[in-house]
Amino acid sequence: MPISTEDVMDERRKVQRHCTLKAGSITFNREAGVDCRVRNLSPAGACLEVASQLGIPDEFVLVVEIDHVKAPCHVIWRTATRLGVVFDAQEPLRHAHAGARSAG
């Protein structure tokens, strides 16, 4: 059985990602945005699924409303409909369901 790109990436991850299927948004240039699906997620990065890679820059902010996540990130790999990102934050990403409190 052939090995997929995502399987190879799993072996090189420093932090295990958890499978998920959540709505997200790739935001950039203040007004521009692209809808995406978050396929897996960890405190260090994520795998995102998009309809098309066209116009998606190498750096953007990932927004996952349901988890109150707004994380600057950059792309480390791409396929036709998926991209792997690493979060740029100094501290690991914290999820609302893990007990993190949101400001405000």
PDB file of N, CA and C in Angstrom:
ATOM      1  N   MET A   1       0.849  -1.173   0.000  1.00  0.00           N
ATOM      2  CA  MET A   1       0.000   0.000   0.000  1.00  0.00           C
ATOM      3  C   MET A   1       0.902   1.245   0.000  1.00  0.00           C
ATOM      4  N   PRO A   2       0.636   2.229  -0.890  1.00  0.00           N
ATOM      5  CA  PRO A   2       1.467   3.420  -0.943  1.00  0.00           C
ATOM      6  C   PRO A   2       1.294   4.285   0.304  1.00  0.00           C
ATOM      7  N   ILE A   3       2.358   5.006   0.652  1.00  0.00           N
ATOM      8  CA  ILE A   3       2.334   5.890   1.806  1.00  0.00           C
ATOM      9  C   ILE A   3       1.934   7.287   1.346  1.00  0.00           C
ATOM     10  N   SER A   4       0.958   7.894   2.020  1.00  0.00           N
ATOM     11  CA  SER A   4       0.508   9.233   1.655  1.00  0.00           C
ATOM     12  C   SER A   4       1.439  10.286   2.234  1.00  0.00           C
ATOM     13  N   THR A   5       1.370  11.502   1.670  1.00  0.00           N
ATOM     14  CA  THR A   5       2.174  12.624   2.152  1.00  0.00           C
ATOM     15  C   THR A   5       1.894  12.879   3.627  1.00  0.00           C
ATOM     16  N   GLU A   6       0.631  12.814   4.024  1.00  0.00           N
ATOM     17  CA  GLU A   6       0.276  13.084   5.417  1.00  0.00           C
ATOM     18  C   GLU A   6       0.868  12.036   6.356  1.00  0.00           C
ATOM     19  N   ASP A   7       0.928  10.756   5.933  1.00  0.00           N
ATOM     20  CA  ASP A   7       1.523   9.718   6.763  1.00  0.00           C
ATOM     21  C   ASP A   7       2.999   9.991   7.008  1.00  0.00           C
ATOM     22  N   VAL A   8       3.702  10.441   5.988  1.00  0.00           N
ATOM     23  CA  VAL A   8       5.115  10.769   6.122  1.00  0.00           C
ATOM     24  C   VAL A   8       5.282  11.939   7.076  1.00  0.00           C
ATOM     25  N   MET A   9       4.414  12.945   6.971  1.00  0.00           N
ATOM     26  CA  MET A   9       4.495  14.108   7.843  1.00  0.00           C
ATOM     27  C   MET A   9       4.254  13.721   9.295  1.00  0.00           C
ATOM     28  N   ASP A  10       3.378  12.749   9.548  1.00  0.00           N
ATOM     29  CA  ASP A  10       3.095  12.310  10.910  1.00  0.00           C
ATOM     30  C   ASP A  10       4.368  11.870  11.624  1.00  0.00           C
ATOM     31  N   GLU A  11       5.257  11.200  10.925  1.00  0.00           N
ATOM     32  CA  GLU A  11       6.459  10.674  11.530  1.00  0.00           C
ATOM     33  C   GLU A  11       7.435  11.767  11.948  1.00  0.00           C
ATOM     34  N   ARG A  12       7.362  12.955  11.332  1.00  0.00           N
ATOM     35  CA  ARG A  12       8.305  14.016  11.622  1.00  0.00           C
ATOM     36  C   ARG A  12       7.762  15.052  12.603  1.00  0.00           C
ATOM     37  N   ARG A  13       6.549  14.907  13.049  1.00  0.00           N
ATOM     38  CA  ARG A  13       5.949  15.880  13.952  1.00  0.00           C
ATOM     39  C   ARG A  13       6.528  15.745  15.348  1.00  0.00           C
ATOM     40  N   LYS A  14       6.767  16.892  15.981  1.00  0.00           N
ATOM     41  CA  LYS A  14       7.257  16.903  17.360  1.00  0.00           C
ATOM     42  C   LYS A  14       6.117  16.714  18.348  1.00  0.00           C
ATOM     43  N   VAL A  15       4.912  17.154  17.972  1.00  0.00           N
ATOM     44  CA  VAL A  15       3.737  17.048  18.828  1.00  0.00           C
ATOM     45  C   VAL A  15       2.650  16.311  18.055  1.00  0.00           C
ATOM     46  N   GLN A  16       2.058  15.287  18.662  1.00  0.00           N
ATOM     47  CA  GLN A  16       1.025  14.514  17.991  1.00  0.00           C
ATOM     48  C   GLN A  16      -0.198  15.379  17.712  1.00  0.00           C
ATOM     49  N   ARG A  17      -0.723  15.268  16.509  1.00  0.00           N
ATOM     50  CA  ARG A  17      -1.948  15.976  16.152  1.00  0.00           C
ATOM     51  C   ARG A  17      -3.137  15.057  16.367  1.00  0.00           C
ATOM     52  N   HIS A  18      -4.279  15.667  16.684  1.00  0.00           N
ATOM     53  CA  HIS A  18      -5.496  14.913  16.907  1.00  0.00           C
ATOM     54  C   HIS A  18      -6.448  15.140  15.745  1.00  0.00           C
ATOM     55  N   CYS A  19      -6.994  14.053  15.210  1.00  0.00           N
ATOM     56  CA  CYS A  19      -7.923  14.153  14.090  1.00  0.00           C
ATOM     57  C   CYS A  19      -9.150  14.944  14.503  1.00  0.00           C
ATOM     58  N   THR A  20      -9.598  15.777  13.591  1.00  0.00           N
ATOM     59  CA  THR A  20     -10.759  16.617  13.847  1.00  0.00           C
ATOM     60  C   THR A  20     -11.380  16.974  12.509  1.00  0.00           C
ATOM     61  N   LEU A  21     -12.504  17.581  12.523  1.00  0.00           N
ATOM     62  CA  LEU A  21     -13.119  18.096  11.301  1.00  0.00           C
ATOM     63  C   LEU A  21     -13.925  19.329  11.714  1.00  0.00           C
ATOM     64  N   LYS A  22     -13.241  20.471  11.711  1.00  0.00           N
ATOM     65  CA  LYS A  22     -13.845  21.715  12.162  1.00  0.00           C
ATOM     66  C   LYS A  22     -13.763  22.763  11.066  1.00  0.00           C
ATOM     67  N   ALA A  23     -14.721  23.667  11.074  1.00  0.00           N
ATOM     68  CA  ALA A  23     -14.693  24.778  10.127  1.00  0.00           C
ATOM     69  C   ALA A  23     -13.653  25.786  10.586  1.00  0.00           C
ATOM     70  N   GLY A  24     -12.906  26.306   9.632  1.00  0.00           N
ATOM     71  CA  GLY A  24     -11.900  27.310   9.932  1.00  0.00           C
ATOM     72  C   GLY A  24     -11.858  28.351   8.839  1.00  0.00           C
ATOM     73  N   SER A  25     -11.034  29.359   9.059  1.00  0.00           N
ATOM     74  CA  SER A  25     -10.865  30.412   8.077  1.00  0.00           C
ATOM     75  C   SER A  25      -9.398  30.813   8.018  1.00  0.00           C
ATOM     76  N   ILE A  26      -8.871  30.901   6.811  1.00  0.00           N
ATOM     77  CA  ILE A  26      -7.517  31.373   6.567  1.00  0.00           C
ATOM     78  C   ILE A  26      -7.652  32.858   6.275  1.00  0.00           C
ATOM     79  N   THR A  27      -7.150  33.709   7.173  1.00  0.00           N
ATOM     80  CA  THR A  27      -7.323  35.149   7.003  1.00  0.00           C
ATOM     81  C   THR A  27      -5.995  35.830   6.742  1.00  0.00           C
ATOM     82  N   PHE A  28      -6.038  36.829   5.857  1.00  0.00           N
ATOM     83  CA  PHE A  28      -4.852  37.594   5.496  1.00  0.00           C
ATOM     84  C   PHE A  28      -5.301  38.903   4.865  1.00  0.00           C
ATOM     85  N   ASN A  29      -4.410  39.865   4.784  1.00  0.00           N
ATOM     86  CA  ASN A  29      -4.708  41.176   4.194  1.00  0.00           C
ATOM     87  C   ASN A  29      -5.933  41.836   4.813  1.00  0.00           C
ATOM     88  N   ARG A  30      -6.149  41.617   6.095  1.00  0.00           N
ATOM     89  CA  ARG A  30      -7.239  42.197   6.884  1.00  0.00           C
ATOM     90  C   ARG A  30      -8.641  41.845   6.408  1.00  0.00           C
ATOM     91  N   GLU A  31      -8.904  41.888   5.118  1.00  0.00           N
ATOM     92  CA  GLU A  31     -10.256  41.638   4.617  1.00  0.00           C
ATOM     93  C   GLU A  31     -10.392  40.318   3.877  1.00  0.00           C
ATOM     94  N   ALA A  32      -9.280  39.795   3.365  1.00  0.00           N
ATOM     95  CA  ALA A  32      -9.337  38.562   2.579  1.00  0.00           C
ATOM     96  C   ALA A  32      -9.409  37.354   3.490  1.00  0.00           C
ATOM     97  N   GLY A  33     -10.097  36.339   3.034  1.00  0.00           N
ATOM     98  CA  GLY A  33     -10.182  35.106   3.796  1.00  0.00           C
ATOM     99  C   GLY A  33     -10.621  33.952   2.922  1.00  0.00           C
ATOM    100  N   VAL A  34     -10.211  32.756   3.317  1.00  0.00           N
ATOM    101  CA  VAL A  34     -10.552  31.544   2.586  1.00  0.00           C
ATOM    102  C   VAL A  34     -11.080  30.535   3.596  1.00  0.00           C
ATOM    103  N   ASP A  35     -12.244  29.963   3.323  1.00  0.00           N
ATOM    104  CA  ASP A  35     -12.785  28.928   4.197  1.00  0.00           C
ATOM    105  C   ASP A  35     -11.940  27.673   4.089  1.00  0.00           C
ATOM    106  N   CYS A  36     -11.808  26.966   5.192  1.00  0.00           N
ATOM    107  CA  CYS A  36     -11.054  25.717   5.197  1.00  0.00           C
ATOM    108  C   CYS A  36     -11.676  24.764   6.207  1.00  0.00           C
ATOM    109  N   ARG A  37     -11.238  23.513   6.143  1.00  0.00           N
ATOM    110  CA  ARG A  37     -11.596  22.512   7.147  1.00  0.00           C
ATOM    111  C   ARG A  37     -10.326  22.131   7.873  1.00  0.00           C
ATOM    112  N   VAL A  38     -10.370  22.128   9.179  1.00  0.00           N
ATOM    113  CA  VAL A  38      -9.228  21.714   9.980  1.00  0.00           C
ATOM    114  C   VAL A  38      -9.322  20.195  10.125  1.00  0.00           C
ATOM    115  N   ARG A  39      -8.398  19.490   9.483  1.00  0.00           N
ATOM    116  CA  ARG A  39      -8.432  18.028   9.464  1.00  0.00           C
ATOM    117  C   ARG A  39      -7.763  17.423  10.693  1.00  0.00           C
ATOM    118  N   ASN A  40      -6.686  18.042  11.165  1.00  0.00           N
ATOM    119  CA  ASN A  40      -6.082  17.633  12.423  1.00  0.00           C
ATOM    120  C   ASN A  40      -5.400  18.839  13.039  1.00  0.00           C
ATOM    121  N   LEU A  41      -5.173  18.757  14.348  1.00  0.00           N
ATOM    122  CA  LEU A  41      -4.751  19.926  15.098  1.00  0.00           C
ATOM    123  C   LEU A  41      -3.909  19.509  16.288  1.00  0.00           C
ATOM    124  N   SER A  42      -2.865  20.288  16.572  1.00  0.00           N
ATOM    125  CA  SER A  42      -2.050  20.098  17.769  1.00  0.00           C
ATOM    126  C   SER A  42      -1.681  21.478  18.289  1.00  0.00           C
ATOM    127  N   PRO A  43      -1.061  21.544  19.451  1.00  0.00           N
ATOM    128  CA  PRO A  43      -0.610  22.844  19.936  1.00  0.00           C
ATOM    129  C   PRO A  43       0.451  23.477  19.035  1.00  0.00           C
ATOM    130  N   ALA A  44       1.092  22.686  18.175  1.00  0.00           N
ATOM    131  CA  ALA A  44       2.163  23.199  17.323  1.00  0.00           C
ATOM    132  C   ALA A  44       1.746  23.492  15.883  1.00  0.00           C
ATOM    133  N   GLY A  45       0.677  22.850  15.373  1.00  0.00           N
ATOM    134  CA  GLY A  45       0.310  23.041  13.979  1.00  0.00           C
ATOM    135  C   GLY A  45      -0.996  22.363  13.614  1.00  0.00           C
ATOM    136  N   ALA A  46      -1.271  22.361  12.289  1.00  0.00           N
ATOM    137  CA  ALA A  46      -2.537  21.799  11.821  1.00  0.00           C
ATOM    138  C   ALA A  46      -2.425  21.374  10.367  1.00  0.00           C
ATOM    139  N   CYS A  47      -3.363  20.530   9.958  1.00  0.00           N
ATOM    140  CA  CYS A  47      -3.542  20.179   8.557  1.00  0.00           C
ATOM    141  C   CYS A  47      -4.876  20.779   8.132  1.00  0.00           C
ATOM    142  N   LEU A  48      -4.847  21.579   7.081  1.00  0.00           N
ATOM    143  CA  LEU A  48      -6.041  22.273   6.610  1.00  0.00           C
ATOM    144  C   LEU A  48      -6.412  21.776   5.226  1.00  0.00           C
ATOM    145  N   GLU A  49      -7.710  21.657   4.974  1.00  0.00           N
ATOM    146  CA  GLU A  49      -8.204  21.255   3.661  1.00  0.00           C
ATOM    147  C   GLU A  49      -8.916  22.446   3.035  1.00  0.00           C
ATOM    148  N   VAL A  50      -8.586  22.732   1.777  1.00  0.00           N
ATOM    149  CA  VAL A  50      -9.169  23.865   1.056  1.00  0.00           C
ATOM    150  C   VAL A  50      -9.660  23.407  -0.308  1.00  0.00           C
ATOM    151  N   ALA A  51     -10.547  24.184  -0.904  1.00  0.00           N
ATOM    152  CA  ALA A  51     -11.027  23.866  -2.248  1.00  0.00           C
ATOM    153  C   ALA A  51      -9.929  24.092  -3.274  1.00  0.00           C
ATOM    154  N   SER A  52      -9.114  25.140  -3.051  1.00  0.00           N
ATOM    155  CA  SER A  52      -8.032  25.476  -3.969  1.00  0.00           C
ATOM    156  C   SER A  52      -6.933  26.212  -3.219  1.00  0.00           C
ATOM    157  N   GLN A  53      -5.708  25.998  -3.627  1.00  0.00           N
ATOM    158  CA  GLN A  53      -4.556  26.683  -3.045  1.00  0.00           C
ATOM    159  C   GLN A  53      -4.377  28.100  -3.603  1.00  0.00           C
ATOM    160  N   LEU A  54      -5.077  28.411  -4.683  1.00  0.00           N
ATOM    161  CA  LEU A  54      -4.897  29.706  -5.347  1.00  0.00           C
ATOM    162  C   LEU A  54      -5.114  30.870  -4.395  1.00  0.00           C
ATOM    163  N   GLY A  55      -4.137  31.759  -4.322  1.00  0.00           N
ATOM    164  CA  GLY A  55      -4.253  32.964  -3.530  1.00  0.00           C
ATOM    165  C   GLY A  55      -3.917  32.814  -2.062  1.00  0.00           C
ATOM    166  N   ILE A  56      -3.638  31.626  -1.594  1.00  0.00           N
ATOM    167  CA  ILE A  56      -3.307  31.441  -0.180  1.00  0.00           C
ATOM    168  C   ILE A  56      -1.814  31.704   0.006  1.00  0.00           C
ATOM    169  N   PRO A  57      -1.471  32.711   0.816  1.00  0.00           N
ATOM    170  CA  PRO A  57      -0.063  33.046   1.025  1.00  0.00           C
ATOM    171  C   PRO A  57       0.630  32.047   1.955  1.00  0.00           C
ATOM    172  N   ASP A  58       1.943  32.158   2.075  1.00  0.00           N
ATOM    173  CA  ASP A  58       2.711  31.271   2.943  1.00  0.00           C
ATOM    174  C   ASP A  58       2.513  31.585   4.424  1.00  0.00           C
ATOM    175  N   GLU A  59       2.100  32.812   4.735  1.00  0.00           N
ATOM    176  CA  GLU A  59       1.851  33.200   6.129  1.00  0.00           C
ATOM    177  C   GLU A  59       0.454  33.789   6.242  1.00  0.00           C
ATOM    178  N   PHE A  60      -0.279  33.391   7.275  1.00  0.00           N
ATOM    179  CA  PHE A  60      -1.644  33.888   7.483  1.00  0.00           C
ATOM    180  C   PHE A  60      -2.063  33.611   8.914  1.00  0.00           C
ATOM    181  N   VAL A  61      -3.287  33.999   9.257  1.00  0.00           N
ATOM    182  CA  VAL A  61      -3.850  33.730  10.577  1.00  0.00           C
ATOM    183  C   VAL A  61      -4.960  32.692  10.402  1.00  0.00           C
ATOM    184  N   LEU A  62      -4.868  31.608  11.159  1.00  0.00           N
ATOM    185  CA  LEU A  62      -5.904  30.588  11.157  1.00  0.00           C
ATOM    186  C   LEU A  62      -6.910  30.919  12.253  1.00  0.00           C
ATOM    187  N   VAL A  63      -8.189  30.964  11.880  1.00  0.00           N
ATOM    188  CA  VAL A  63      -9.252  31.239  12.840  1.00  0.00           C
ATOM    189  C   VAL A  63     -10.166  30.018  12.907  1.00  0.00           C
ATOM    190  N   VAL A  64     -10.354  29.496  14.123  1.00  0.00           N
ATOM    191  CA  VAL A  64     -11.289  28.398  14.366  1.00  0.00           C
ATOM    192  C   VAL A  64     -12.246  28.910  15.446  1.00  0.00           C
ATOM    193  N   GLU A  65     -13.366  29.445  15.002  1.00  0.00           N
ATOM    194  CA  GLU A  65     -14.320  30.103  15.901  1.00  0.00           C
ATOM    195  C   GLU A  65     -14.788  29.209  17.036  1.00  0.00           C
ATOM    196  N   ILE A  66     -15.117  27.946  16.744  1.00  0.00           N
ATOM    197  CA  ILE A  66     -15.679  27.059  17.761  1.00  0.00           C
ATOM    198  C   ILE A  66     -14.731  26.850  18.943  1.00  0.00           C
ATOM    199  N   ASP A  67     -13.411  26.924  18.697  1.00  0.00           N
ATOM    200  CA  ASP A  67     -12.410  26.749  19.756  1.00  0.00           C
ATOM    201  C   ASP A  67     -11.824  28.074  20.237  1.00  0.00           C
ATOM    202  N   HIS A  68     -12.339  29.187  19.720  1.00  0.00           N
ATOM    203  CA  HIS A  68     -11.817  30.515  20.062  1.00  0.00           C
ATOM    204  C   HIS A  68     -10.322  30.614  19.768  1.00  0.00           C
ATOM    205  N   VAL A  69      -9.912  30.070  18.616  1.00  0.00           N
ATOM    206  CA  VAL A  69      -8.509  30.077  18.209  1.00  0.00           C
ATOM    207  C   VAL A  69      -8.307  31.126  17.119  1.00  0.00           C
ATOM    208  N   LYS A  70      -7.270  31.919  17.290  1.00  0.00           N
ATOM    209  CA  LYS A  70      -6.836  32.873  16.277  1.00  0.00           C
ATOM    210  C   LYS A  70      -5.317  32.839  16.319  1.00  0.00           C
ATOM    211  N   ALA A  71      -4.701  32.060  15.402  1.00  0.00           N
ATOM    212  CA  ALA A  71      -3.280  31.769  15.505  1.00  0.00           C
ATOM    213  C   ALA A  71      -2.514  32.121  14.235  1.00  0.00           C
ATOM    214  N   PRO A  72      -1.507  33.002  14.336  1.00  0.00           N
ATOM    215  CA  PRO A  72      -0.625  33.251  13.196  1.00  0.00           C
ATOM    216  C   PRO A  72       0.148  31.966  12.884  1.00  0.00           C
ATOM    217  N   CYS A  73       0.311  31.661  11.597  1.00  0.00           N
ATOM    218  CA  CYS A  73       1.006  30.440  11.221  1.00  0.00           C
ATOM    219  C   CYS A  73       1.669  30.601   9.863  1.00  0.00           C
ATOM    220  N   HIS A  74       2.479  29.609   9.504  1.00  0.00           N
ATOM    221  CA  HIS A  74       3.061  29.587   8.164  1.00  0.00           C
ATOM    222  C   HIS A  74       3.030  28.166   7.608  1.00  0.00           C
ATOM    223  N   VAL A  75       2.950  28.092   6.292  1.00  0.00           N
ATOM    224  CA  VAL A  75       2.809  26.819   5.580  1.00  0.00           C
ATOM    225  C   VAL A  75       4.159  26.107   5.526  1.00  0.00           C
ATOM    226  N   ILE A  76       4.144  24.797   5.836  1.00  0.00           N
ATOM    227  CA  ILE A  76       5.366  24.004   5.714  1.00  0.00           C
ATOM    228  C   ILE A  76       5.268  22.952   4.611  1.00  0.00           C
ATOM    229  N   TRP A  77       4.065  22.614   4.178  1.00  0.00           N
ATOM    230  CA  TRP A  77       3.884  21.742   3.012  1.00  0.00           C
ATOM    231  C   TRP A  77       2.517  21.992   2.403  1.00  0.00           C
ATOM    232  N   ARG A  78       2.409  21.664   1.108  1.00  0.00           N
ATOM    233  CA  ARG A  78       1.156  21.851   0.359  1.00  0.00           C
ATOM    234  C   ARG A  78       0.933  20.674  -0.585  1.00  0.00           C
ATOM    235  N   THR A  79      -0.357  20.342  -0.769  1.00  0.00           N
ATOM    236  CA  THR A  79      -0.770  19.456  -1.857  1.00  0.00           C
ATOM    237  C   THR A  79      -1.862  20.229  -2.595  1.00  0.00           C
ATOM    238  N   ALA A  80      -2.537  19.602  -3.532  1.00  0.00           N
ATOM    239  CA  ALA A  80      -3.561  20.307  -4.308  1.00  0.00           C
ATOM    240  C   ALA A  80      -4.679  20.871  -3.427  1.00  0.00           C
ATOM    241  N   THR A  81      -5.085  20.130  -2.391  1.00  0.00           N
ATOM    242  CA  THR A  81      -6.218  20.575  -1.572  1.00  0.00           C
ATOM    243  C   THR A  81      -5.924  20.616  -0.071  1.00  0.00           C
ATOM    244  N   ARG A  82      -4.688  20.351   0.321  1.00  0.00           N
ATOM    245  CA  ARG A  82      -4.342  20.380   1.751  1.00  0.00           C
ATOM    246  C   ARG A  82      -3.057  21.147   1.978  1.00  0.00           C
ATOM    247  N   LEU A  83      -2.936  21.707   3.173  1.00  0.00           N
ATOM    248  CA  LEU A  83      -1.693  22.338   3.554  1.00  0.00           C
ATOM    249  C   LEU A  83      -1.415  22.085   5.021  1.00  0.00           C
ATOM    250  N   GLY A  84      -0.147  21.922   5.333  1.00  0.00           N
ATOM    251  CA  GLY A  84       0.283  21.746   6.713  1.00  0.00           C
ATOM    252  C   GLY A  84       0.863  23.055   7.200  1.00  0.00           C
ATOM    253  N   VAL A  85       0.464  23.460   8.395  1.00  0.00           N
ATOM    254  CA  VAL A  85       0.945  24.725   8.951  1.00  0.00           C
ATOM    255  C   VAL A  85       1.549  24.513  10.326  1.00  0.00           C
ATOM    256  N   VAL A  86       2.473  25.402  10.673  1.00  0.00           N
ATOM    257  CA  VAL A  86       3.069  25.456  12.000  1.00  0.00           C
ATOM    258  C   VAL A  86       2.674  26.794  12.592  1.00  0.00           C
ATOM    259  N   PHE A  87       2.251  26.791  13.852  1.00  0.00           N
ATOM    260  CA  PHE A  87       1.870  28.031  14.510  1.00  0.00           C
ATOM    261  C   PHE A  87       3.111  28.824  14.893  1.00  0.00           C
ATOM    262  N   ASP A  88       3.039  30.145  14.707  1.00  0.00           N
ATOM    263  CA  ASP A  88       4.177  31.022  14.955  1.00  0.00           C
ATOM    264  C   ASP A  88       4.273  31.512  16.394  1.00  0.00           C
ATOM    265  N   ALA A  89       3.257  31.279  17.204  1.00  0.00           N
ATOM    266  CA  ALA A  89       3.225  31.784  18.575  1.00  0.00           C
ATOM    267  C   ALA A  89       4.402  31.237  19.383  1.00  0.00           C
ATOM    268  N   GLN A  90       4.888  32.045  20.304  1.00  0.00           N
ATOM    269  CA  GLN A  90       5.968  31.622  21.194  1.00  0.00           C
ATOM    270  C   GLN A  90       5.506  30.501  22.123  1.00  0.00           C
ATOM    271  N   GLU A  91       4.266  30.586  22.591  1.00  0.00           N
ATOM    272  CA  GLU A  91       3.705  29.564  23.468  1.00  0.00           C
ATOM    273  C   GLU A  91       2.887  28.583  22.626  1.00  0.00           C
ATOM    274  N   PRO A  92       2.805  27.325  23.031  1.00  0.00           N
ATOM    275  CA  PRO A  92       1.967  26.371  22.292  1.00  0.00           C
ATOM    276  C   PRO A  92       0.508  26.832  22.260  1.00  0.00           C
ATOM    277  N   LEU A  93      -0.171  26.481  21.203  1.00  0.00           N
ATOM    278  CA  LEU A  93      -1.585  26.816  21.045  1.00  0.00           C
ATOM    279  C   LEU A  93      -2.396  26.187  22.163  1.00  0.00           C
ATOM    280  N   ARG A  94      -3.312  26.956  22.723  1.00  0.00           N
ATOM    281  CA  ARG A  94      -4.190  26.441  23.771  1.00  0.00           C
ATOM    282  C   ARG A  94      -5.615  26.452  23.233  1.00  0.00           C
ATOM    283  N   HIS A  95      -6.335  25.372  23.482  1.00  0.00           N
ATOM    284  CA  HIS A  95      -7.713  25.251  23.026  1.00  0.00           C
ATOM    285  C   HIS A  95      -8.658  25.637  24.151  1.00  0.00           C
ATOM    286  N   ALA A  96      -9.794  26.199  23.792  1.00  0.00           N
ATOM    287  CA  ALA A  96     -10.796  26.594  24.782  1.00  0.00           C
ATOM    288  C   ALA A  96     -11.245  25.382  25.598  1.00  0.00           C
ATOM    289  N   HIS A  97     -11.374  24.210  24.967  1.00  0.00           N
ATOM    290  CA  HIS A  97     -11.856  23.031  25.685  1.00  0.00           C
ATOM    291  C   HIS A  97     -10.812  22.463  26.633  1.00  0.00           C
ATOM    292  N   ALA A  98      -9.565  22.949  26.542  1.00  0.00           N
ATOM    293  CA  ALA A  98      -8.508  22.454  27.418  1.00  0.00           C
ATOM    294  C   ALA A  98      -8.352  23.327  28.667  1.00  0.00           C
ATOM    295  N   GLY A  99      -9.301  24.241  28.875  1.00  0.00           N
ATOM    296  CA  GLY A  99      -9.268  25.042  30.085  1.00  0.00           C
ATOM    297  C   GLY A  99      -8.674  26.423  29.909  1.00  0.00           C
ATOM    298  N   ALA A 100      -8.262  26.787  28.711  1.00  0.00           N
ATOM    299  CA  ALA A 100      -7.709  28.120  28.486  1.00  0.00           C
ATOM    300  C   ALA A 100      -8.834  29.145  28.561  1.00  0.00           C
ATOM    301  N   ARG A 101      -8.545  30.274  29.129  1.00  0.00           N
ATOM    302  CA  ARG A 101      -9.546  31.334  29.220  1.00  0.00           C
ATOM    303  C   ARG A 101      -9.285  32.362  28.136  1.00  0.00           C
ATOM    304  N   SER A 102     -10.365  32.865  27.543  1.00  0.00           N
ATOM    305  CA  SER A 102     -10.212  33.905  26.532  1.00  0.00           C
ATOM    306  C   SER A 102     -10.349  35.259  27.191  1.00  0.00           C
ATOM    307  N   ALA A 103      -9.586  36.221  26.689  1.00  0.00           N
ATOM    308  CA  ALA A 103      -9.635  37.579  27.233  1.00  0.00           C
ATOM    309  C   ALA A 103     -10.895  38.259  26.755  1.00  0.00           C
ATOM    310  N   GLY A 104     -11.423  39.124  27.617  1.00  0.00           N
ATOM    311  CA  GLY A 104     -12.465  39.939  27.111  1.00  0.00           C
ATOM    312  C   GLY A 104     -13.770  39.798  27.690  1.00  0.00           C
TER     313      GLY A 104
END
